[in-house]
């Protein structure tokens, strides 16, 4: 089950995404996310579906499945869902919560605003997206 939470922890966004020096930039970025609780076993992303969310994991673990096979795990500080939003493609993997999780979620409009709000955020997302696309091609 997804459940909306009321507030952010102090350190929910990893410094790799927003840096650790500019509290105004961090605050602006955090306003674009909705914090959620996700129950263990819940699917965050389903392969083959169109992308409508971008997730940053702040607590808990998730498994990444491609064609039913585990290809990785994600934990606090990791993110997922960016490729479909950047490329307008269908999801290429399923992401399922292994444990209860806390995530930050952004819809496509919020995701575009995030990319424009922080060059560091945009660069981190683009770099990871490129690395993931290369891995898919191998």
N, C-alpha and C. Protein backbone atom coordinates (compact mmCIF):
# COMPACT_ATOMS: atom_id res chain seq x y z
N UNK A 1 0.84 -1.18 0.00
CA UNK A 1 0.00 0.00 0.00
C UNK A 1 0.88 1.23 0.00
N UNK A 2 0.47 2.25 -0.74
CA UNK A 2 1.14 3.54 -0.73
C UNK A 2 0.44 4.40 0.30
N UNK A 3 1.19 5.12 1.08
CA UNK A 3 0.60 6.04 2.04
C UNK A 3 1.38 7.33 2.07
N UNK A 4 0.70 8.45 1.90
CA UNK A 4 1.37 9.75 1.91
C UNK A 4 1.81 10.09 3.32
N UNK A 5 3.03 10.60 3.44
CA UNK A 5 3.52 11.03 4.74
C UNK A 5 3.40 12.54 4.83
N UNK A 6 3.58 13.05 6.01
CA UNK A 6 3.36 14.47 6.24
C UNK A 6 4.59 15.35 6.04
N UNK A 7 5.78 14.81 6.27
CA UNK A 7 6.95 15.67 6.21
C UNK A 7 8.18 14.90 5.81
N UNK A 8 9.26 15.64 5.55
CA UNK A 8 10.54 15.08 5.17
C UNK A 8 11.41 14.87 6.39
N UNK A 9 12.27 13.86 6.32
CA UNK A 9 13.35 13.75 7.29
C UNK A 9 14.37 14.82 6.92
N UNK A 10 15.32 15.08 7.80
CA UNK A 10 16.33 16.11 7.53
C UNK A 10 17.23 15.79 6.36
N UNK A 11 17.49 14.52 6.11
CA UNK A 11 18.49 14.16 5.10
C UNK A 11 17.93 13.19 4.07
N UNK A 12 16.73 13.46 3.56
CA UNK A 12 16.11 12.51 2.67
C UNK A 12 16.71 12.50 1.27
N UNK A 13 17.14 13.61 0.77
CA UNK A 13 17.71 13.64 -0.57
C UNK A 13 19.22 13.45 -0.50
N UNK A 14 19.74 12.49 -1.26
CA UNK A 14 21.18 12.25 -1.21
C UNK A 14 21.96 13.43 -1.78
N UNK A 15 23.12 13.74 -1.18
CA UNK A 15 23.92 14.86 -1.66
C UNK A 15 24.33 14.74 -3.13
N UNK A 16 24.43 13.50 -3.65
CA UNK A 16 24.79 13.33 -5.06
C UNK A 16 23.77 13.97 -5.98
N UNK A 17 22.53 14.08 -5.51
CA UNK A 17 21.49 14.67 -6.34
C UNK A 17 21.38 16.18 -6.19
N UNK A 18 21.60 16.69 -4.98
CA UNK A 18 21.35 18.11 -4.76
C UNK A 18 22.51 18.87 -4.15
N UNK A 19 23.60 18.20 -3.84
CA UNK A 19 24.70 18.86 -3.15
C UNK A 19 24.39 18.99 -1.68
N UNK A 20 25.36 19.45 -0.91
CA UNK A 20 25.12 19.56 0.51
C UNK A 20 25.34 20.97 1.03
N UNK A 21 25.53 21.94 0.13
CA UNK A 21 25.81 23.27 0.61
C UNK A 21 24.67 24.27 0.51
N UNK A 22 23.82 24.13 -0.47
CA UNK A 22 22.80 25.14 -0.74
C UNK A 22 21.45 24.71 -0.19
N UNK A 23 21.10 25.19 1.00
CA UNK A 23 19.84 24.78 1.63
C UNK A 23 18.63 25.33 0.87
N UNK A 24 18.77 26.48 0.20
CA UNK A 24 17.65 27.02 -0.59
C UNK A 24 17.34 26.12 -1.78
N UNK A 25 18.39 25.65 -2.46
CA UNK A 25 18.17 24.75 -3.60
C UNK A 25 17.56 23.45 -3.13
N UNK A 26 18.04 22.91 -2.00
CA UNK A 26 17.50 21.67 -1.45
C UNK A 26 16.02 21.85 -1.12
N UNK A 27 15.68 22.96 -0.50
CA UNK A 27 14.29 23.23 -0.12
C UNK A 27 13.40 23.33 -1.36
N UNK A 28 13.88 24.02 -2.39
CA UNK A 28 13.12 24.17 -3.63
C UNK A 28 12.88 22.80 -4.26
N UNK A 29 13.89 21.95 -4.28
CA UNK A 29 13.75 20.61 -4.86
C UNK A 29 12.80 19.76 -4.02
N UNK A 30 12.95 19.79 -2.71
CA UNK A 30 12.10 18.97 -1.85
C UNK A 30 10.61 19.30 -2.01
N UNK A 31 10.30 20.55 -2.30
CA UNK A 31 8.90 20.94 -2.47
C UNK A 31 8.26 20.28 -3.68
N UNK A 32 9.08 19.81 -4.61
CA UNK A 32 8.55 19.19 -5.82
C UNK A 32 8.24 17.70 -5.64
N UNK A 33 8.65 17.13 -4.52
CA UNK A 33 8.41 15.72 -4.25
C UNK A 33 7.25 15.53 -3.27
N UNK A 34 6.64 14.36 -3.36
CA UNK A 34 5.66 13.92 -2.36
C UNK A 34 6.27 12.73 -1.63
N UNK A 35 6.40 12.80 -0.30
CA UNK A 35 6.93 11.65 0.44
C UNK A 35 5.84 10.59 0.63
N UNK A 36 6.22 9.33 0.41
CA UNK A 36 5.27 8.22 0.54
C UNK A 36 5.88 7.08 1.33
N UNK A 37 5.03 6.30 1.97
CA UNK A 37 5.41 5.01 2.55
C UNK A 37 4.94 3.94 1.57
N UNK A 38 5.76 2.93 1.34
CA UNK A 38 5.43 1.83 0.45
C UNK A 38 5.58 0.54 1.23
N UNK A 39 4.56 -0.30 1.22
CA UNK A 39 4.60 -1.56 1.95
C UNK A 39 5.43 -2.60 1.20
N UNK A 40 6.09 -3.47 1.94
CA UNK A 40 6.85 -4.56 1.36
C UNK A 40 5.96 -5.36 0.41
N UNK A 41 6.50 -5.73 -0.74
CA UNK A 41 5.76 -6.50 -1.72
C UNK A 41 5.05 -5.66 -2.77
N UNK A 42 4.92 -4.38 -2.53
CA UNK A 42 4.23 -3.48 -3.45
C UNK A 42 5.11 -3.17 -4.67
N UNK A 43 4.52 -3.13 -5.86
CA UNK A 43 5.25 -2.80 -7.08
C UNK A 43 5.24 -1.29 -7.27
N UNK A 44 6.41 -0.70 -7.38
CA UNK A 44 6.53 0.73 -7.65
C UNK A 44 6.47 1.00 -9.14
N UNK A 45 7.16 0.16 -9.91
CA UNK A 45 7.26 0.33 -11.36
C UNK A 45 7.01 -1.02 -12.00
N UNK A 46 6.18 -1.04 -13.05
CA UNK A 46 5.86 -2.29 -13.75
C UNK A 46 6.42 -2.22 -15.17
N UNK A 47 7.25 -3.17 -15.54
CA UNK A 47 7.82 -3.22 -16.89
C UNK A 47 6.70 -3.21 -17.92
N UNK A 48 6.92 -2.45 -18.99
CA UNK A 48 5.95 -2.38 -20.08
C UNK A 48 4.94 -1.26 -19.93
N UNK A 49 4.80 -0.70 -18.75
CA UNK A 49 3.86 0.41 -18.54
C UNK A 49 4.53 1.73 -18.88
N UNK A 50 3.72 2.73 -19.20
CA UNK A 50 4.26 4.06 -19.43
C UNK A 50 4.67 4.67 -18.10
N UNK A 51 5.74 5.46 -18.12
CA UNK A 51 6.25 6.07 -16.90
C UNK A 51 5.47 7.29 -16.50
N UNK A 52 5.03 7.31 -15.24
CA UNK A 52 4.30 8.46 -14.71
C UNK A 52 4.89 8.96 -13.41
N UNK A 53 5.93 8.28 -12.90
CA UNK A 53 6.54 8.68 -11.64
C UNK A 53 8.05 8.49 -11.67
N UNK A 54 8.70 9.32 -10.90
CA UNK A 54 10.13 9.21 -10.61
C UNK A 54 10.23 9.03 -9.10
N UNK A 55 11.03 8.06 -8.66
CA UNK A 55 11.15 7.74 -7.25
C UNK A 55 12.58 7.93 -6.76
N UNK A 56 12.73 8.48 -5.56
CA UNK A 56 13.99 8.48 -4.82
C UNK A 56 13.72 7.69 -3.55
N UNK A 57 14.52 6.67 -3.31
CA UNK A 57 14.35 5.83 -2.13
C UNK A 57 15.09 6.47 -0.97
N UNK A 58 14.39 6.67 0.14
CA UNK A 58 15.03 7.26 1.32
C UNK A 58 15.20 6.26 2.44
N UNK A 59 14.46 5.16 2.40
CA UNK A 59 14.62 4.09 3.39
C UNK A 59 14.02 2.81 2.81
N UNK A 60 14.63 1.68 3.13
CA UNK A 60 14.14 0.40 2.66
C UNK A 60 14.90 -0.11 1.44
N UNK A 61 14.46 -1.26 0.92
CA UNK A 61 15.12 -1.91 -0.20
C UNK A 61 14.08 -2.34 -1.23
N UNK A 62 14.50 -2.34 -2.49
CA UNK A 62 13.65 -2.79 -3.59
C UNK A 62 14.48 -3.69 -4.51
N UNK A 63 13.79 -4.58 -5.19
CA UNK A 63 14.44 -5.46 -6.16
C UNK A 63 14.07 -4.96 -7.56
N UNK A 64 15.02 -5.06 -8.48
CA UNK A 64 14.81 -4.71 -9.88
C UNK A 64 14.74 -6.01 -10.67
N UNK A 65 13.64 -6.20 -11.40
CA UNK A 65 13.42 -7.42 -12.17
C UNK A 65 13.28 -7.10 -13.65
N UNK A 66 13.93 -7.92 -14.47
CA UNK A 66 13.77 -7.79 -15.92
C UNK A 66 13.45 -9.18 -16.45
N UNK A 67 12.31 -9.32 -17.09
CA UNK A 67 11.84 -10.62 -17.58
C UNK A 67 11.78 -11.65 -16.46
N UNK A 68 11.40 -11.19 -15.26
CA UNK A 68 11.25 -12.07 -14.11
C UNK A 68 12.52 -12.39 -13.37
N UNK A 69 13.66 -11.98 -13.91
CA UNK A 69 14.95 -12.25 -13.26
C UNK A 69 15.45 -11.02 -12.50
N UNK A 70 16.00 -11.25 -11.32
CA UNK A 70 16.57 -10.15 -10.55
C UNK A 70 17.84 -9.66 -11.23
N UNK A 71 17.88 -8.36 -11.48
CA UNK A 71 19.07 -7.76 -12.10
C UNK A 71 19.73 -6.74 -11.17
N UNK A 72 19.14 -6.51 -10.02
CA UNK A 72 19.74 -5.58 -9.08
C UNK A 72 18.82 -5.28 -7.91
N UNK A 73 19.36 -4.54 -6.97
CA UNK A 73 18.59 -4.06 -5.84
C UNK A 73 18.88 -2.58 -5.66
N UNK A 74 17.92 -1.88 -5.08
CA UNK A 74 18.04 -0.45 -4.81
C UNK A 74 17.80 -0.22 -3.33
N UNK A 75 18.47 0.80 -2.79
CA UNK A 75 18.29 1.15 -1.39
C UNK A 75 18.33 2.66 -1.21
N UNK A 76 18.43 3.08 0.03
CA UNK A 76 18.41 4.50 0.36
C UNK A 76 19.45 5.26 -0.48
N UNK A 77 19.00 6.35 -1.09
CA UNK A 77 19.86 7.18 -1.93
C UNK A 77 19.76 6.84 -3.40
N UNK A 78 19.20 5.68 -3.74
CA UNK A 78 19.02 5.30 -5.14
C UNK A 78 17.71 5.88 -5.68
N UNK A 79 17.62 5.94 -7.00
CA UNK A 79 16.40 6.43 -7.64
C UNK A 79 16.06 5.54 -8.82
N UNK A 80 14.82 5.63 -9.26
CA UNK A 80 14.37 4.84 -10.40
C UNK A 80 13.20 5.54 -11.09
N UNK A 81 12.99 5.16 -12.34
CA UNK A 81 11.88 5.72 -13.10
C UNK A 81 12.26 6.82 -14.06
N UNK A 82 13.54 7.19 -14.07
CA UNK A 82 13.95 8.35 -14.86
C UNK A 82 13.97 8.08 -16.36
N UNK A 83 14.32 6.86 -16.78
CA UNK A 83 14.47 6.59 -18.21
C UNK A 83 13.15 6.81 -18.94
N UNK A 84 12.07 6.25 -18.42
CA UNK A 84 10.78 6.40 -19.09
C UNK A 84 10.35 7.86 -19.16
N UNK A 85 10.66 8.63 -18.13
CA UNK A 85 10.27 10.05 -18.14
C UNK A 85 11.16 10.87 -19.07
N UNK A 86 12.44 10.55 -19.12
CA UNK A 86 13.35 11.29 -20.00
C UNK A 86 13.12 10.96 -21.47
N UNK A 87 12.87 9.69 -21.75
CA UNK A 87 12.80 9.22 -23.13
C UNK A 87 11.37 9.05 -23.66
N UNK A 88 10.38 9.14 -22.77
CA UNK A 88 9.00 8.93 -23.19
C UNK A 88 8.72 7.49 -23.60
N UNK A 89 9.50 6.57 -23.04
CA UNK A 89 9.36 5.15 -23.37
C UNK A 89 8.62 4.41 -22.27
N UNK A 90 8.25 3.18 -22.58
CA UNK A 90 7.66 2.32 -21.56
C UNK A 90 8.74 1.88 -20.58
N UNK A 91 8.31 1.48 -19.39
CA UNK A 91 9.24 1.01 -18.36
C UNK A 91 9.98 -0.23 -18.86
N UNK A 92 11.28 -0.31 -18.58
CA UNK A 92 12.07 -1.44 -19.04
C UNK A 92 12.33 -2.48 -17.95
N UNK A 93 11.85 -2.22 -16.75
CA UNK A 93 12.05 -3.16 -15.64
C UNK A 93 10.92 -2.97 -14.64
N UNK A 94 10.77 -3.96 -13.78
CA UNK A 94 9.83 -3.89 -12.67
C UNK A 94 10.63 -3.62 -11.40
N UNK A 95 10.14 -2.74 -10.56
CA UNK A 95 10.78 -2.46 -9.27
C UNK A 95 9.75 -2.75 -8.19
N UNK A 96 10.11 -3.66 -7.27
CA UNK A 96 9.19 -4.09 -6.22
C UNK A 96 9.85 -3.92 -4.86
N UNK A 97 9.09 -3.44 -3.89
CA UNK A 97 9.60 -3.24 -2.53
C UNK A 97 9.89 -4.59 -1.87
N UNK A 98 11.12 -4.76 -1.39
CA UNK A 98 11.48 -5.94 -0.61
C UNK A 98 11.12 -5.76 0.85
N UNK A 99 11.20 -4.51 1.30
CA UNK A 99 10.89 -4.16 2.69
C UNK A 99 9.93 -2.98 2.66
N UNK A 100 9.38 -2.63 3.80
CA UNK A 100 8.66 -1.36 3.86
C UNK A 100 9.65 -0.27 3.49
N UNK A 101 9.16 0.71 2.76
CA UNK A 101 10.05 1.75 2.22
C UNK A 101 9.47 3.13 2.46
N UNK A 102 10.38 4.10 2.43
CA UNK A 102 10.02 5.51 2.33
C UNK A 102 10.61 5.97 1.00
N UNK A 103 9.78 6.61 0.21
CA UNK A 103 10.23 7.12 -1.08
C UNK A 103 9.73 8.54 -1.27
N UNK A 104 10.39 9.24 -2.15
CA UNK A 104 9.93 10.53 -2.63
C UNK A 104 9.49 10.32 -4.06
N UNK A 105 8.34 10.83 -4.42
CA UNK A 105 7.82 10.61 -5.77
C UNK A 105 7.53 11.95 -6.44
N UNK A 106 7.82 12.00 -7.73
CA UNK A 106 7.53 13.18 -8.55
C UNK A 106 6.82 12.72 -9.81
N UNK A 107 5.80 13.47 -10.22
CA UNK A 107 5.11 13.17 -11.47
C UNK A 107 5.90 13.79 -12.63
N UNK A 108 5.50 13.57 -13.88
CA UNK A 108 6.30 14.09 -15.00
C UNK A 108 6.52 15.60 -14.96
N UNK A 109 5.51 16.37 -14.60
CA UNK A 109 5.67 17.83 -14.53
C UNK A 109 6.68 18.20 -13.45
N UNK A 110 6.55 17.58 -12.30
CA UNK A 110 7.48 17.84 -11.20
C UNK A 110 8.90 17.40 -11.56
N UNK A 111 9.01 16.27 -12.25
CA UNK A 111 10.32 15.77 -12.67
C UNK A 111 11.00 16.77 -13.60
N UNK A 112 10.26 17.31 -14.57
CA UNK A 112 10.84 18.33 -15.47
C UNK A 112 11.27 19.57 -14.68
N UNK A 113 10.46 19.96 -13.71
CA UNK A 113 10.82 21.11 -12.87
C UNK A 113 12.07 20.81 -12.05
N UNK A 114 12.21 19.57 -11.58
CA UNK A 114 13.42 19.18 -10.83
C UNK A 114 14.66 19.31 -11.71
N UNK A 115 14.55 18.86 -12.95
CA UNK A 115 15.69 18.94 -13.86
C UNK A 115 16.11 20.39 -14.09
N UNK A 116 15.12 21.29 -14.17
CA UNK A 116 15.41 22.70 -14.38
C UNK A 116 15.86 23.43 -13.12
N UNK A 117 15.51 22.90 -11.96
CA UNK A 117 15.80 23.58 -10.70
C UNK A 117 17.24 23.43 -10.25
N UNK A 118 17.89 22.34 -10.66
CA UNK A 118 19.23 22.08 -10.17
C UNK A 118 20.09 21.42 -11.24
N UNK A 119 21.13 22.13 -11.71
CA UNK A 119 22.04 21.52 -12.68
C UNK A 119 22.69 20.24 -12.14
N UNK A 120 22.97 20.23 -10.86
CA UNK A 120 23.58 19.03 -10.26
C UNK A 120 22.62 17.86 -10.31
N UNK A 121 21.36 18.11 -9.99
CA UNK A 121 20.33 17.08 -10.05
C UNK A 121 20.21 16.56 -11.48
N UNK A 122 20.09 17.47 -12.44
CA UNK A 122 19.94 17.08 -13.85
C UNK A 122 21.14 16.26 -14.32
N UNK A 123 22.35 16.66 -13.95
CA UNK A 123 23.56 15.93 -14.36
C UNK A 123 23.59 14.53 -13.76
N UNK A 124 23.22 14.41 -12.49
CA UNK A 124 23.22 13.09 -11.84
C UNK A 124 22.19 12.17 -12.49
N UNK A 125 21.03 12.69 -12.80
CA UNK A 125 19.97 11.89 -13.42
C UNK A 125 20.41 11.47 -14.82
N UNK A 126 20.95 12.39 -15.60
CA UNK A 126 21.39 12.07 -16.96
C UNK A 126 22.51 11.03 -16.95
N UNK A 127 23.46 11.17 -16.03
CA UNK A 127 24.58 10.22 -15.95
C UNK A 127 24.09 8.81 -15.62
N UNK A 128 23.20 8.70 -14.64
CA UNK A 128 22.70 7.38 -14.28
C UNK A 128 21.83 6.80 -15.39
N UNK A 129 21.02 7.63 -16.01
CA UNK A 129 20.18 7.17 -17.11
C UNK A 129 21.04 6.62 -18.23
N UNK A 130 22.10 7.32 -18.58
CA UNK A 130 23.00 6.86 -19.64
C UNK A 130 23.65 5.53 -19.28
N UNK A 131 24.10 5.40 -18.03
CA UNK A 131 24.73 4.16 -17.59
C UNK A 131 23.73 3.00 -17.64
N UNK A 132 22.51 3.25 -17.23
CA UNK A 132 21.48 2.20 -17.25
C UNK A 132 21.13 1.81 -18.68
N UNK A 133 21.05 2.78 -19.57
CA UNK A 133 20.74 2.47 -20.97
C UNK A 133 21.86 1.65 -21.61
N UNK A 134 23.11 1.97 -21.28
CA UNK A 134 24.24 1.17 -21.78
C UNK A 134 24.15 -0.27 -21.27
N UNK A 135 23.80 -0.42 -20.00
CA UNK A 135 23.68 -1.76 -19.42
C UNK A 135 22.56 -2.55 -20.10
N UNK A 136 21.48 -1.86 -20.46
CA UNK A 136 20.38 -2.53 -21.15
C UNK A 136 20.80 -3.00 -22.54
N UNK A 137 21.67 -2.24 -23.18
CA UNK A 137 22.11 -2.57 -24.54
C UNK A 137 23.09 -3.74 -24.57
N UNK A 138 23.70 -4.05 -23.44
CA UNK A 138 24.70 -5.14 -23.40
C UNK A 138 24.05 -6.48 -23.29
